[in-house]
Amino acid sequence: MSISRKEAQENISILLAEKRTSLAVLRTAIALFTLPLSILTVLAATSKFYNPFEIILLIIPLIIFCIILILFGTYLISRSMKRIKKIDKKVEQIKRDLKLLNFDS
């Protein structure tokens, strides 16, 4: 498949925009992943001010919510990393095609 230099630049431009989007999702996923750790740290630090058995009905849903956030963050991290690798491979393929066609300077 032969493509012009301009088409290659446009394709790479689109791929880089997709990569920026994936990096933004990755940043959000890392924040989602670390939020439960912060919540649990605050709970552990303030544990001397309450009896966990008295507020177990509040702690259980909070822990379930934290687990859900960790799982969702993990999913988004893995999805973003896969997309970034896929985009990088596509960019490299376009570069290789241009080099084979002797358009690379």
PDB file of N, CA and C in Angstrom:
ATOM      1  N   MET A   1       0.852  -1.170   0.000  1.00  0.00           N
ATOM      2  CA  MET A   1       0.000   0.000   0.000  1.00  0.00           C
ATOM      3  C   MET A   1       0.896   1.232   0.000  1.00  0.00           C
ATOM      4  N   SER A   2       0.788   2.029  -1.048  1.00  0.00           N
ATOM      5  CA  SER A   2       1.624   3.225  -1.070  1.00  0.00           C
ATOM      6  C   SER A   2       0.782   4.435  -0.681  1.00  0.00           C
ATOM      7  N   ILE A   3       1.341   5.211   0.207  1.00  0.00           N
ATOM      8  CA  ILE A   3       0.658   6.416   0.656  1.00  0.00           C
ATOM      9  C   ILE A   3       1.598   7.592   0.484  1.00  0.00           C
ATOM     10  N   SER A   4       1.024   8.753   0.288  1.00  0.00           N
ATOM     11  CA  SER A   4       1.863   9.937   0.125  1.00  0.00           C
ATOM     12  C   SER A   4       2.361  10.396   1.490  1.00  0.00           C
ATOM     13  N   ARG A   5       3.337  11.266   1.438  1.00  0.00           N
ATOM     14  CA  ARG A   5       3.907  11.805   2.682  1.00  0.00           C
ATOM     15  C   ARG A   5       2.845  12.585   3.457  1.00  0.00           C
ATOM     16  N   LYS A   6       2.003  13.335   2.743  1.00  0.00           N
ATOM     17  CA  LYS A   6       0.962  14.121   3.395  1.00  0.00           C
ATOM     18  C   LYS A   6      -0.058  13.210   4.082  1.00  0.00           C
ATOM     19  N   GLU A   7      -0.471  12.143   3.396  1.00  0.00           N
ATOM     20  CA  GLU A   7      -1.408  11.183   4.007  1.00  0.00           C
ATOM     21  C   GLU A   7      -0.797  10.534   5.240  1.00  0.00           C
ATOM     22  N   ALA A   8       0.491  10.229   5.171  1.00  0.00           N
ATOM     23  CA  ALA A   8       1.179   9.625   6.309  1.00  0.00           C
ATOM     24  C   ALA A   8       1.208  10.593   7.486  1.00  0.00           C
ATOM     25  N   GLN A   9       1.481  11.867   7.212  1.00  0.00           N
ATOM     26  CA  GLN A   9       1.496  12.862   8.286  1.00  0.00           C
ATOM     27  C   GLN A   9       0.114  13.019   8.909  1.00  0.00           C
ATOM     28  N   GLU A  10      -0.920  13.001   8.079  1.00  0.00           N
ATOM     29  CA  GLU A  10      -2.285  13.112   8.602  1.00  0.00           C
ATOM     30  C   GLU A  10      -2.633  11.906   9.461  1.00  0.00           C
ATOM     31  N   ASN A  11      -2.258  10.716   8.987  1.00  0.00           N
ATOM     32  CA  ASN A  11      -2.531   9.495   9.757  1.00  0.00           C
ATOM     33  C   ASN A  11      -1.785   9.502  11.081  1.00  0.00           C
ATOM     34  N   ILE A  12      -0.533   9.907  11.051  1.00  0.00           N
ATOM     35  CA  ILE A  12       0.258   9.963  12.287  1.00  0.00           C
ATOM     36  C   ILE A  12      -0.322  11.006  13.230  1.00  0.00           C
ATOM     37  N   SER A  13      -0.789  12.107  12.677  1.00  0.00           N
ATOM     38  CA  SER A  13      -1.397  13.154  13.495  1.00  0.00           C
ATOM     39  C   SER A  13      -2.638  12.628  14.223  1.00  0.00           C
ATOM     40  N   ILE A  14      -3.462  11.896  13.504  1.00  0.00           N
ATOM     41  CA  ILE A  14      -4.661  11.308  14.110  1.00  0.00           C
ATOM     42  C   ILE A  14      -4.275  10.284  15.173  1.00  0.00           C
ATOM     43  N   LEU A  15      -3.284   9.465  14.866  1.00  0.00           N
ATOM     44  CA  LEU A  15      -2.839   8.449  15.833  1.00  0.00           C
ATOM     45  C   LEU A  15      -2.271   9.099  17.096  1.00  0.00           C
ATOM     46  N   LEU A  16      -1.544  10.185  16.940  1.00  0.00           N
ATOM     47  CA  LEU A  16      -0.994  10.863  18.111  1.00  0.00           C
ATOM     48  C   LEU A  16      -2.096  11.506  18.951  1.00  0.00           C
ATOM     49  N   ALA A  17      -3.159  11.977  18.307  1.00  0.00           N
ATOM     50  CA  ALA A  17      -4.303  12.507  19.059  1.00  0.00           C
ATOM     51  C   ALA A  17      -4.967  11.391  19.856  1.00  0.00           C
ATOM     52  N   GLU A  18      -5.091  10.208  19.255  1.00  0.00           N
ATOM     53  CA  GLU A  18      -5.646   9.060  19.970  1.00  0.00           C
ATOM     54  C   GLU A  18      -4.745   8.662  21.131  1.00  0.00           C
ATOM     55  N   LYS A  19      -3.440   8.765  20.920  1.00  0.00           N
ATOM     56  CA  LYS A  19      -2.497   8.423  21.987  1.00  0.00           C
ATOM     57  C   LYS A  19      -2.628   9.404  23.153  1.00  0.00           C
ATOM     58  N   ARG A  20      -2.795  10.699  22.855  1.00  0.00           N
ATOM     59  CA  ARG A  20      -2.994  11.682  23.921  1.00  0.00           C
ATOM     60  C   ARG A  20      -4.262  11.371  24.714  1.00  0.00           C
ATOM     61  N   THR A  21      -5.307  10.952  24.008  1.00  0.00           N
ATOM     62  CA  THR A  21      -6.550  10.577  24.684  1.00  0.00           C
ATOM     63  C   THR A  21      -6.316   9.380  25.596  1.00  0.00           C
ATOM     64  N   SER A  22      -5.584   8.397  25.112  1.00  0.00           N
ATOM     65  CA  SER A  22      -5.288   7.220  25.935  1.00  0.00           C
ATOM     66  C   SER A  22      -4.444   7.586  27.146  1.00  0.00           C
ATOM     67  N   LEU A  23      -3.525   8.525  26.971  1.00  0.00           N
ATOM     68  CA  LEU A  23      -2.717   8.969  28.110  1.00  0.00           C
ATOM     69  C   LEU A  23      -3.569   9.708  29.140  1.00  0.00           C
ATOM     70  N   ALA A  24      -4.562  10.455  28.681  1.00  0.00           N
ATOM     71  CA  ALA A  24      -5.466  11.138  29.616  1.00  0.00           C
ATOM     72  C   ALA A  24      -6.298  10.114  30.386  1.00  0.00           C
ATOM     73  N   VAL A  25      -6.748   9.062  29.698  1.00  0.00           N
ATOM     74  CA  VAL A  25      -7.491   7.992  30.376  1.00  0.00           C
ATOM     75  C   VAL A  25      -6.578   7.298  31.381  1.00  0.00           C
ATOM     76  N   LEU A  26      -5.325   7.088  31.010  1.00  0.00           N
ATOM     77  CA  LEU A  26      -4.364   6.461  31.916  1.00  0.00           C
ATOM     78  C   LEU A  26      -4.159   7.306  33.170  1.00  0.00           C
ATOM     79  N   ARG A  27      -4.054   8.618  33.001  1.00  0.00           N
ATOM     80  CA  ARG A  27      -3.895   9.515  34.149  1.00  0.00           C
ATOM     81  C   ARG A  27      -5.113   9.430  35.073  1.00  0.00           C
ATOM     82  N   THR A  28      -6.301   9.398  34.498  1.00  0.00           N
ATOM     83  CA  THR A  28      -7.527   9.272  35.282  1.00  0.00           C
ATOM     84  C   THR A  28      -7.578   7.926  35.993  1.00  0.00           C
ATOM     85  N   ALA A  29      -7.162   6.880  35.306  1.00  0.00           N
ATOM     86  CA  ALA A  29      -7.174   5.543  35.901  1.00  0.00           C
ATOM     87  C   ALA A  29      -6.229   5.451  37.091  1.00  0.00           C
ATOM     88  N   ILE A  30      -5.078   6.090  36.980  1.00  0.00           N
ATOM     89  CA  ILE A  30      -4.134   6.084  38.102  1.00  0.00           C
ATOM     90  C   ILE A  30      -4.734   6.811  39.296  1.00  0.00           C
ATOM     91  N   ALA A  31      -5.438   7.905  39.026  1.00  0.00           N
ATOM     92  CA  ALA A  31      -6.103   8.629  40.123  1.00  0.00           C
ATOM     93  C   ALA A  31      -7.186   7.768  40.757  1.00  0.00           C
ATOM     94  N   LEU A  32      -7.968   7.069  39.928  1.00  0.00           N
ATOM     95  CA  LEU A  32      -8.999   6.172  40.460  1.00  0.00           C
ATOM     96  C   LEU A  32      -8.381   5.047  41.274  1.00  0.00           C
ATOM     97  N   PHE A  33      -7.237   4.587  40.845  1.00  0.00           N
ATOM     98  CA  PHE A  33      -6.561   3.490  41.535  1.00  0.00           C
ATOM     99  C   PHE A  33      -6.013   3.929  42.889  1.00  0.00           C
ATOM    100  N   THR A  34      -5.539   5.165  42.980  1.00  0.00           N
ATOM    101  CA  THR A  34      -4.928   5.622  44.229  1.00  0.00           C
ATOM    102  C   THR A  34      -5.930   6.199  45.225  1.00  0.00           C
ATOM    103  N   LEU A  35      -7.097   6.613  44.778  1.00  0.00           N
ATOM    104  CA  LEU A  35      -8.094   7.181  45.681  1.00  0.00           C
ATOM    105  C   LEU A  35      -8.478   6.231  46.813  1.00  0.00           C
ATOM    106  N   PRO A  36      -8.777   4.951  46.537  1.00  0.00           N
ATOM    107  CA  PRO A  36      -9.104   4.043  47.646  1.00  0.00           C
ATOM    108  C   PRO A  36      -7.964   3.878  48.647  1.00  0.00           C
ATOM    109  N   LEU A  37      -6.740   3.933  48.165  1.00  0.00           N
ATOM    110  CA  LEU A  37      -5.605   3.820  49.088  1.00  0.00           C
ATOM    111  C   LEU A  37      -5.577   5.004  50.048  1.00  0.00           C
ATOM    112  N   SER A  38      -5.905   6.187  49.529  1.00  0.00           N
ATOM    113  CA  SER A  38      -5.961   7.377  50.385  1.00  0.00           C
ATOM    114  C   SER A  38      -7.086   7.263  51.403  1.00  0.00           C
ATOM    115  N   ILE A  39      -8.224   6.782  50.961  1.00  0.00           N
ATOM    116  CA  ILE A  39      -9.373   6.617  51.862  1.00  0.00           C
ATOM    117  C   ILE A  39      -9.036   5.632  52.979  1.00  0.00           C
ATOM    118  N   LEU A  40      -8.453   4.511  52.610  1.00  0.00           N
ATOM    119  CA  LEU A  40      -8.100   3.503  53.619  1.00  0.00           C
ATOM    120  C   LEU A  40      -7.013   4.013  54.560  1.00  0.00           C
ATOM    121  N   THR A  41      -6.111   4.853  54.065  1.00  0.00           N
ATOM    122  CA  THR A  41      -5.084   5.452  54.924  1.00  0.00           C
ATOM    123  C   THR A  41      -5.728   6.369  55.964  1.00  0.00           C
ATOM    124  N   VAL A  42      -6.699   7.165  55.537  1.00  0.00           N
ATOM    125  CA  VAL A  42      -7.394   8.051  56.474  1.00  0.00           C
ATOM    126  C   VAL A  42      -8.156   7.231  57.513  1.00  0.00           C
ATOM    127  N   LEU A  43      -8.795   6.164  57.069  1.00  0.00           N
ATOM    128  CA  LEU A  43      -9.507   5.291  58.020  1.00  0.00           C
ATOM    129  C   LEU A  43      -8.551   4.688  59.049  1.00  0.00           C
ATOM    130  N   ALA A  44      -7.401   4.246  58.578  1.00  0.00           N
ATOM    131  CA  ALA A  44      -6.429   3.647  59.494  1.00  0.00           C
ATOM    132  C   ALA A  44      -5.861   4.704  60.455  1.00  0.00           C
ATOM    133  N   ALA A  45      -5.625   5.896  59.954  1.00  0.00           N
ATOM    134  CA  ALA A  45      -5.050   6.956  60.795  1.00  0.00           C
ATOM    135  C   ALA A  45      -6.038   7.445  61.857  1.00  0.00           C
ATOM    136  N   THR A  46      -7.317   7.399  61.557  1.00  0.00           N
ATOM    137  CA  THR A  46      -8.323   7.897  62.508  1.00  0.00           C
ATOM    138  C   THR A  46      -9.016   6.766  63.267  1.00  0.00           C
ATOM    139  N   SER A  47      -8.483   5.575  63.181  1.00  0.00           N
ATOM    140  CA  SER A  47      -9.153   4.420  63.783  1.00  0.00           C
ATOM    141  C   SER A  47      -9.232   4.492  65.312  1.00  0.00           C
ATOM    142  N   LYS A  48      -8.385   5.281  65.935  1.00  0.00           N
ATOM    143  CA  LYS A  48      -8.458   5.361  67.400  1.00  0.00           C
ATOM    144  C   LYS A  48      -9.656   6.194  67.864  1.00  0.00           C
ATOM    145  N   PHE A  49     -10.309   6.917  66.942  1.00  0.00           N
ATOM    146  CA  PHE A  49     -11.441   7.758  67.312  1.00  0.00           C
ATOM    147  C   PHE A  49     -12.793   7.052  67.172  1.00  0.00           C
ATOM    148  N   TYR A  50     -12.796   5.829  66.693  1.00  0.00           N
ATOM    149  CA  TYR A  50     -14.061   5.102  66.545  1.00  0.00           C
ATOM    150  C   TYR A  50     -13.829   3.611  66.755  1.00  0.00           C
ATOM    151  N   ASN A  51     -14.904   2.921  67.056  1.00  0.00           N
ATOM    152  CA  ASN A  51     -14.854   1.471  67.185  1.00  0.00           C
ATOM    153  C   ASN A  51     -15.364   0.880  65.867  1.00  0.00           C
ATOM    154  N   PRO A  52     -14.509   0.158  65.151  1.00  0.00           N
ATOM    155  CA  PRO A  52     -14.912  -0.365  63.841  1.00  0.00           C
ATOM    156  C   PRO A  52     -16.170  -1.245  63.885  1.00  0.00           C
ATOM    157  N   PHE A  53     -16.390  -1.926  64.995  1.00  0.00           N
ATOM    158  CA  PHE A  53     -17.565  -2.806  65.079  1.00  0.00           C
ATOM    159  C   PHE A  53     -18.861  -2.019  65.236  1.00  0.00           C
ATOM    160  N   GLU A  54     -18.764  -0.798  65.711  1.00  0.00           N
ATOM    161  CA  GLU A  54     -19.951   0.039  65.839  1.00  0.00           C
ATOM    162  C   GLU A  54     -20.377   0.651  64.504  1.00  0.00           C
ATOM    163  N   ILE A  55     -19.424   0.855  63.615  1.00  0.00           N
ATOM    164  CA  ILE A  55     -19.759   1.474  62.328  1.00  0.00           C
ATOM    165  C   ILE A  55     -19.513   0.518  61.159  1.00  0.00           C
ATOM    166  N   ILE A  56     -19.621  -0.774  61.430  1.00  0.00           N
ATOM    167  CA  ILE A  56     -19.370  -1.787  60.402  1.00  0.00           C
ATOM    168  C   ILE A  56     -20.296  -1.619  59.197  1.00  0.00           C
ATOM    169  N   LEU A  57     -21.520  -1.128  59.447  1.00  0.00           N
ATOM    170  CA  LEU A  57     -22.453  -0.931  58.339  1.00  0.00           C
ATOM    171  C   LEU A  57     -22.033   0.212  57.416  1.00  0.00           C
ATOM    172  N   LEU A  58     -21.173   1.076  57.881  1.00  0.00           N
ATOM    173  CA  LEU A  58     -20.623   2.129  57.033  1.00  0.00           C
ATOM    174  C   LEU A  58     -19.309   1.702  56.374  1.00  0.00           C
ATOM    175  N   ILE A  59     -18.542   0.904  57.088  1.00  0.00           N
ATOM    176  CA  ILE A  59     -17.235   0.497  56.576  1.00  0.00           C
ATOM    177  C   ILE A  59     -17.364  -0.511  55.429  1.00  0.00           C
ATOM    178  N   ILE A  60     -18.289  -1.456  55.542  1.00  0.00           N
ATOM    179  CA  ILE A  60     -18.428  -2.485  54.505  1.00  0.00           C
ATOM    180  C   ILE A  60     -18.755  -1.876  53.137  1.00  0.00           C
ATOM    181  N   PRO A  61     -19.782  -1.002  53.030  1.00  0.00           N
ATOM    182  CA  PRO A  61     -20.021  -0.399  51.705  1.00  0.00           C
ATOM    183  C   PRO A  61     -18.842   0.447  51.210  1.00  0.00           C
ATOM    184  N   LEU A  62     -18.138   1.105  52.126  1.00  0.00           N
ATOM    185  CA  LEU A  62     -16.987   1.904  51.742  1.00  0.00           C
ATOM    186  C   LEU A  62     -15.877   1.023  51.179  1.00  0.00           C
ATOM    187  N   ILE A  63     -15.635  -0.105  51.808  1.00  0.00           N
ATOM    188  CA  ILE A  63     -14.609  -1.035  51.318  1.00  0.00           C
ATOM    189  C   ILE A  63     -15.028  -1.628  49.975  1.00  0.00           C
ATOM    190  N   ILE A  64     -16.299  -1.955  49.821  1.00  0.00           N
ATOM    191  CA  ILE A  64     -16.786  -2.473  48.535  1.00  0.00           C
ATOM    192  C   ILE A  64     -16.599  -1.413  47.446  1.00  0.00           C
ATOM    193  N   PHE A  65     -16.930  -0.161  47.776  1.00  0.00           N
ATOM    194  CA  PHE A  65     -16.741   0.933  46.827  1.00  0.00           C
ATOM    195  C   PHE A  65     -15.261   1.082  46.467  1.00  0.00           C
ATOM    196  N   CYS A  66     -14.383   0.966  47.443  1.00  0.00           N
ATOM    197  CA  CYS A  66     -12.936   1.058  47.190  1.00  0.00           C
ATOM    198  C   CYS A  66     -12.467  -0.070  46.282  1.00  0.00           C
ATOM    199  N   ILE A  67     -12.969  -1.266  46.503  1.00  0.00           N
ATOM    200  CA  ILE A  67     -12.603  -2.410  45.658  1.00  0.00           C
ATOM    201  C   ILE A  67     -13.068  -2.180  44.223  1.00  0.00           C
ATOM    202  N   ILE A  68     -14.279  -1.651  44.074  1.00  0.00           N
ATOM    203  CA  ILE A  68     -14.799  -1.358  42.732  1.00  0.00           C
ATOM    204  C   ILE A  68     -13.919  -0.312  42.042  1.00  0.00           C
ATOM    205  N   LEU A  69     -13.531   0.722  42.775  1.00  0.00           N
ATOM    206  CA  LEU A  69     -12.655   1.743  42.190  1.00  0.00           C
ATOM    207  C   LEU A  69     -11.307   1.167  41.774  1.00  0.00           C
ATOM    208  N   ILE A  70     -10.747   0.304  42.599  1.00  0.00           N
ATOM    209  CA  ILE A  70      -9.464  -0.329  42.270  1.00  0.00           C
ATOM    210  C   ILE A  70      -9.598  -1.195  41.022  1.00  0.00           C
ATOM    211  N   LEU A  71     -10.677  -1.973  40.943  1.00  0.00           N
ATOM    212  CA  LEU A  71     -10.888  -2.830  39.770  1.00  0.00           C
ATOM    213  C   LEU A  71     -11.093  -2.001  38.504  1.00  0.00           C
ATOM    214  N   PHE A  72     -11.897  -0.945  38.611  1.00  0.00           N
ATOM    215  CA  PHE A  72     -12.139  -0.087  37.453  1.00  0.00           C
ATOM    216  C   PHE A  72     -10.858   0.626  37.029  1.00  0.00           C
ATOM    217  N   GLY A  73     -10.079   1.098  38.001  1.00  0.00           N
ATOM    218  CA  GLY A  73      -8.801   1.729  37.690  1.00  0.00           C
ATOM    219  C   GLY A  73      -7.845   0.764  37.013  1.00  0.00           C
ATOM    220  N   THR A  74      -7.805  -0.466  37.495  1.00  0.00           N
ATOM    221  CA  THR A  74      -6.948  -1.491  36.893  1.00  0.00           C
ATOM    222  C   THR A  74      -7.374  -1.767  35.456  1.00  0.00           C
ATOM    223  N   TYR A  75      -8.684  -1.862  35.237  1.00  0.00           N
ATOM    224  CA  TYR A  75      -9.201  -2.094  33.886  1.00  0.00           C
ATOM    225  C   TYR A  75      -8.797  -0.951  32.949  1.00  0.00           C
ATOM    226  N   LEU A  76      -8.986   0.285  33.399  1.00  0.00           N
ATOM    227  CA  LEU A  76      -8.647   1.431  32.554  1.00  0.00           C
ATOM    228  C   LEU A  76      -7.146   1.518  32.281  1.00  0.00           C
ATOM    229  N   ILE A  77      -6.332   1.172  33.268  1.00  0.00           N
ATOM    230  CA  ILE A  77      -4.881   1.184  33.077  1.00  0.00           C
ATOM    231  C   ILE A  77      -4.477   0.167  32.022  1.00  0.00           C
ATOM    232  N   SER A  78      -4.986  -1.059  32.150  1.00  0.00           N
ATOM    233  CA  SER A  78      -4.611  -2.093  31.178  1.00  0.00           C
ATOM    234  C   SER A  78      -5.129  -1.748  29.785  1.00  0.00           C
ATOM    235  N   ARG A  79      -6.343  -1.217  29.699  1.00  0.00           N
ATOM    236  CA  ARG A  79      -6.918  -0.849  28.402  1.00  0.00           C
ATOM    237  C   ARG A  79      -6.101   0.275  27.756  1.00  0.00           C
ATOM    238  N   SER A  80      -5.721   1.264  28.536  1.00  0.00           N
ATOM    239  CA  SER A  80      -4.934   2.376  27.999  1.00  0.00           C
ATOM    240  C   SER A  80      -3.564   1.917  27.528  1.00  0.00           C
ATOM    241  N   MET A  81      -2.933   1.068  28.315  1.00  0.00           N
ATOM    242  CA  MET A  81      -1.604   0.585  27.932  1.00  0.00           C
ATOM    243  C   MET A  81      -1.668  -0.214  26.630  1.00  0.00           C
ATOM    244  N   LYS A  82      -2.700  -1.051  26.482  1.00  0.00           N
ATOM    245  CA  LYS A  82      -2.854  -1.820  25.240  1.00  0.00           C
ATOM    246  C   LYS A  82      -3.069  -0.900  24.049  1.00  0.00           C
ATOM    247  N   ARG A  83      -3.904   0.125  24.224  1.00  0.00           N
ATOM    248  CA  ARG A  83      -4.176   1.056  23.127  1.00  0.00           C
ATOM    249  C   ARG A  83      -2.925   1.843  22.761  1.00  0.00           C
ATOM    250  N   ILE A  84      -2.153   2.249  23.757  1.00  0.00           N
ATOM    251  CA  ILE A  84      -0.930   3.008  23.476  1.00  0.00           C
ATOM    252  C   ILE A  84       0.061   2.152  22.691  1.00  0.00           C
ATOM    253  N   LYS A  85       0.211   0.900  23.085  1.00  0.00           N
ATOM    254  CA  LYS A  85       1.114  -0.002  22.350  1.00  0.00           C
ATOM    255  C   LYS A  85       0.634  -0.207  20.921  1.00  0.00           C
ATOM    256  N   LYS A  86      -0.670  -0.364  20.749  1.00  0.00           N
ATOM    257  CA  LYS A  86      -1.248  -0.561  19.414  1.00  0.00           C
ATOM    258  C   LYS A  86      -1.008   0.670  18.536  1.00  0.00           C
ATOM    259  N   ILE A  87      -1.197   1.847  19.099  1.00  0.00           N
ATOM    260  CA  ILE A  87      -0.986   3.087  18.350  1.00  0.00           C
ATOM    261  C   ILE A  87       0.477   3.243  17.979  1.00  0.00           C
ATOM    262  N   ASP A  88       1.377   2.932  18.925  1.00  0.00           N
ATOM    263  CA  ASP A  88       2.810   3.026  18.636  1.00  0.00           C
ATOM    264  C   ASP A  88       3.204   2.087  17.493  1.00  0.00           C
ATOM    265  N   LYS A  89       2.627   0.894  17.473  1.00  0.00           N
ATOM    266  CA  LYS A  89       2.921  -0.044  16.381  1.00  0.00           C
ATOM    267  C   LYS A  89       2.439   0.498  15.044  1.00  0.00           C
ATOM    268  N   LYS A  90       1.263   1.128  15.039  1.00  0.00           N
ATOM    269  CA  LYS A  90       0.742   1.697  13.794  1.00  0.00           C
ATOM    270  C   LYS A  90       1.632   2.829  13.296  1.00  0.00           C
ATOM    271  N   VAL A  91       2.094   3.681  14.202  1.00  0.00           N
ATOM    272  CA  VAL A  91       2.975   4.783  13.814  1.00  0.00           C
ATOM    273  C   VAL A  91       4.274   4.230  13.245  1.00  0.00           C
ATOM    274  N   GLU A  92       4.832   3.233  13.896  1.00  0.00           N
ATOM    275  CA  GLU A  92       6.068   2.620  13.392  1.00  0.00           C
ATOM    276  C   GLU A  92       5.857   1.988  12.021  1.00  0.00           C
ATOM    277  N   GLN A  93       4.705   1.386  11.807  1.00  0.00           N
ATOM    278  CA  GLN A  93       4.406   0.779  10.506  1.00  0.00           C
ATOM    279  C   GLN A  93       4.344   1.845   9.417  1.00  0.00           C
ATOM    280  N   ILE A  94       3.719   2.961   9.719  1.00  0.00           N
ATOM    281  CA  ILE A  94       3.657   4.057   8.740  1.00  0.00           C
ATOM    282  C   ILE A  94       5.055   4.586   8.450  1.00  0.00           C
ATOM    283  N   LYS A  95       5.876   4.737   9.478  1.00  0.00           N
ATOM    284  CA  LYS A  95       7.251   5.201   9.271  1.00  0.00           C
ATOM    285  C   LYS A  95       8.033   4.220   8.395  1.00  0.00           C
ATOM    286  N   ARG A  96       7.854   2.921   8.666  1.00  0.00           N
ATOM    287  CA  ARG A  96       8.542   1.898   7.879  1.00  0.00           C
ATOM    288  C   ARG A  96       8.101   1.945   6.413  1.00  0.00           C
ATOM    289  N   ASP A  97       6.796   2.103   6.200  1.00  0.00           N
ATOM    290  CA  ASP A  97       6.280   2.180   4.836  1.00  0.00           C
ATOM    291  C   ASP A  97       6.868   3.373   4.097  1.00  0.00           C
ATOM    292  N   LEU A  98       6.971   4.505   4.775  1.00  0.00           N
ATOM    293  CA  LEU A  98       7.546   5.689   4.154  1.00  0.00           C
ATOM    294  C   LEU A  98       9.026   5.489   3.832  1.00  0.00           C
ATOM    295  N   LYS A  99       9.711   4.830   4.747  1.00  0.00           N
ATOM    296  CA  LYS A  99      11.136   4.592   4.538  1.00  0.00           C
ATOM    297  C   LYS A  99      11.341   3.671   3.337  1.00  0.00           C
ATOM    298  N   LEU A 100      10.496   2.650   3.210  1.00  0.00           N
ATOM    299  CA  LEU A 100      10.604   1.726   2.076  1.00  0.00           C
ATOM    300  C   LEU A 100      10.323   2.432   0.769  1.00  0.00           C
ATOM    301  N   LEU A 101       9.448   3.422   0.805  1.00  0.00           N
ATOM    302  CA  LEU A 101       9.122   4.163  -0.414  1.00  0.00           C
ATOM    303  C   LEU A 101      10.106   5.300  -0.669  1.00  0.00           C
ATOM    304  N   ASN A 102      11.106   5.397   0.207  1.00  0.00           N
ATOM    305  CA  ASN A 102      12.162   6.384   0.089  1.00  0.00           C
ATOM    306  C   ASN A 102      11.676   7.814   0.263  1.00  0.00           C
ATOM    307  N   PHE A 103      10.631   7.980   1.075  1.00  0.00           N
ATOM    308  CA  PHE A 103      10.145   9.320   1.369  1.00  0.00           C
ATOM    309  C   PHE A 103      10.767   9.869   2.637  1.00  0.00           C
ATOM    310  N   ASP A 104      11.366   9.018   3.418  1.00  0.00           N
ATOM    311  CA  ASP A 104      11.939   9.461   4.693  1.00  0.00           C
ATOM    312  C   ASP A 104      13.192  10.275   4.433  1.00  0.00           C
ATOM    313  N   SER A 105      13.300  11.386   5.102  1.00  0.00           N
ATOM    314  CA  SER A 105      14.484  12.226   4.892  1.00  0.00           C
ATOM    315  C   SER A 105      15.487  12.076   5.992  1.00  0.00           C
TER     316      SER A 105
END
